[in-house]
Amino acid sequence: GYEVDFLVTGTRLYIECEGWTYHGLDKDQFEFDRVRAAHLLANGYVGLRFTWAQIMRRPEFVARQITESFFSING
């Protein structure tokens, strides 16, 4: 029942791209994000969160984290 930025097809791995504008400056959104993450985790979903700066300045790091998480979840 929750919307995520990206769900890796065929897995329970989801990816969130978080910036200050929507996820850091608004207290209600910040609180909602934490509740949503807890519910998703309780239902077997694993979330990765990356900042705009990480995605733009360290894409190799982001790709490596996604790949490693995918293989650790799916054996």
C-alpha atoms as a PDB file:
ATOM      1  CA  GLY A   1       0.000   0.000   0.000  1.00  0.00           C
ATOM      2  CA  TYR A   2       3.023   2.325  -0.082  1.00  0.00           C
ATOM      3  CA  GLU A   3       4.659   4.045  -3.018  1.00  0.00           C
ATOM      4  CA  VAL A   4       8.436   3.753  -3.386  1.00  0.00           C
ATOM      5  CA  ASP A   5      10.756   5.335  -5.932  1.00  0.00           C
ATOM      6  CA  PHE A   6      12.000   2.031  -7.379  1.00  0.00           C
ATOM      7  CA  LEU A   7      11.131  -1.601  -6.698  1.00  0.00           C
ATOM      8  CA  VAL A   8      13.573  -4.133  -8.124  1.00  0.00           C
ATOM      9  CA  THR A   9      11.380  -6.458 -10.167  1.00  0.00           C
ATOM     10  CA  GLY A  10      10.941  -9.909  -8.697  1.00  0.00           C
ATOM     11  CA  THR A  11      12.455  -8.956  -5.329  1.00  0.00           C
ATOM     12  CA  ARG A  12      11.556  -7.226  -2.096  1.00  0.00           C
ATOM     13  CA  LEU A  13      14.335  -4.658  -2.581  1.00  0.00           C
ATOM     14  CA  TYR A  14      13.302  -1.050  -3.031  1.00  0.00           C
ATOM     15  CA  ILE A  15      15.329   2.078  -3.613  1.00  0.00           C
ATOM     16  CA  GLU A  16      14.577   5.596  -2.433  1.00  0.00           C
ATOM     17  CA  CYS A  17      16.208   8.713  -3.858  1.00  0.00           C
ATOM     18  CA  GLU A  18      15.993  11.310  -1.128  1.00  0.00           C
ATOM     19  CA  GLY A  19      16.688  15.010  -1.243  1.00  0.00           C
ATOM     20  CA  TRP A  20      16.380  17.688   1.421  1.00  0.00           C
ATOM     21  CA  THR A  21      13.449  19.400  -0.252  1.00  0.00           C
ATOM     22  CA  TYR A  22      10.984  16.541   0.189  1.00  0.00           C
ATOM     23  CA  HIS A  23      12.579  14.321   2.804  1.00  0.00           C
ATOM     24  CA  GLY A  24      14.563  16.575   5.100  1.00  0.00           C
ATOM     25  CA  LEU A  25      12.867  19.921   5.467  1.00  0.00           C
ATOM     26  CA  ASP A  26       9.275  18.813   6.006  1.00  0.00           C
ATOM     27  CA  LYS A  27       8.790  17.268   9.464  1.00  0.00           C
ATOM     28  CA  ASP A  28       5.563  15.473   8.541  1.00  0.00           C
ATOM     29  CA  GLN A  29       7.176  13.911   5.453  1.00  0.00           C
ATOM     30  CA  PHE A  30      10.212  12.911   7.519  1.00  0.00           C
ATOM     31  CA  GLU A  31       7.953  11.175  10.069  1.00  0.00           C
ATOM     32  CA  PHE A  32       5.865   9.502   7.355  1.00  0.00           C
ATOM     33  CA  ASP A  33       9.003   8.185   5.648  1.00  0.00           C
ATOM     34  CA  ARG A  34      10.090   6.487   8.885  1.00  0.00           C
ATOM     35  CA  VAL A  35       6.676   4.912   9.497  1.00  0.00           C
ATOM     36  CA  ARG A  36       6.522   3.692   5.901  1.00  0.00           C
ATOM     37  CA  ALA A  37      10.052   2.204   6.124  1.00  0.00           C
ATOM     38  CA  ALA A  38       9.128   0.362   9.342  1.00  0.00           C
ATOM     39  CA  HIS A  39       5.963  -1.083   7.792  1.00  0.00           C
ATOM     40  CA  LEU A  40       7.796  -2.164   4.655  1.00  0.00           C
ATOM     41  CA  LEU A  41      10.563  -3.814   6.695  1.00  0.00           C
ATOM     42  CA  ALA A  42       7.999  -5.615   8.863  1.00  0.00           C
ATOM     43  CA  ASN A  43       6.519  -7.008   5.641  1.00  0.00           C
ATOM     44  CA  GLY A  44       9.814  -8.312   4.326  1.00  0.00           C
ATOM     45  CA  TYR A  45      10.961  -5.412   2.137  1.00  0.00           C
ATOM     46  CA  VAL A  46      14.513  -4.092   2.282  1.00  0.00           C
ATOM     47  CA  GLY A  47      15.068  -0.460   1.442  1.00  0.00           C
ATOM     48  CA  LEU A  48      18.144   1.382   0.255  1.00  0.00           C
ATOM     49  CA  ARG A  49      18.248   5.148   0.535  1.00  0.00           C
ATOM     50  CA  PHE A  50      20.523   7.377  -1.464  1.00  0.00           C
ATOM     51  CA  THR A  51      20.867  11.120  -1.466  1.00  0.00           C
ATOM     52  CA  TRP A  52      20.914  13.252  -4.584  1.00  0.00           C
ATOM     53  CA  ALA A  53      24.599  13.981  -3.930  1.00  0.00           C
ATOM     54  CA  GLN A  54      25.450  10.268  -3.692  1.00  0.00           C
ATOM     55  CA  ILE A  55      23.618   9.488  -6.927  1.00  0.00           C
ATOM     56  CA  MET A  56      25.180  12.382  -8.827  1.00  0.00           C
ATOM     57  CA  ARG A  57      28.696  12.363  -7.359  1.00  0.00           C
ATOM     58  CA  ARG A  58      29.237   8.689  -6.505  1.00  0.00           C
ATOM     59  CA  PRO A  59      27.212   6.617  -8.988  1.00  0.00           C
ATOM     60  CA  GLU A  60      29.665   3.699  -8.781  1.00  0.00           C
ATOM     61  CA  PHE A  61      29.094   3.498  -5.008  1.00  0.00           C
ATOM     62  CA  VAL A  62      25.317   3.553  -5.477  1.00  0.00           C
ATOM     63  CA  ALA A  63      25.423   0.868  -8.169  1.00  0.00           C
ATOM     64  CA  ARG A  64      27.683  -1.322  -6.017  1.00  0.00           C
ATOM     65  CA  GLN A  65      25.388  -1.027  -3.004  1.00  0.00           C
ATOM     66  CA  ILE A  66      22.341  -1.956  -5.076  1.00  0.00           C
ATOM     67  CA  THR A  67      24.134  -4.930  -6.647  1.00  0.00           C
ATOM     68  CA  GLU A  68      25.491  -6.211  -3.332  1.00  0.00           C
ATOM     69  CA  SER A  69      22.096  -5.866  -1.668  1.00  0.00           C
ATOM     70  CA  PHE A  70      20.365  -7.638  -4.538  1.00  0.00           C
ATOM     71  CA  PHE A  71      22.701 -10.625  -4.324  1.00  0.00           C
ATOM     72  CA  SER A  72      22.617 -10.785  -0.526  1.00  0.00           C
ATOM     73  CA  ILE A  73      18.808 -10.880  -0.567  1.00  0.00           C
ATOM     74  CA  ASN A  74      18.508 -13.341  -3.450  1.00  0.00           C
ATOM     75  CA  GLY A  75      21.498 -15.549  -2.684  1.00  0.00           C
END
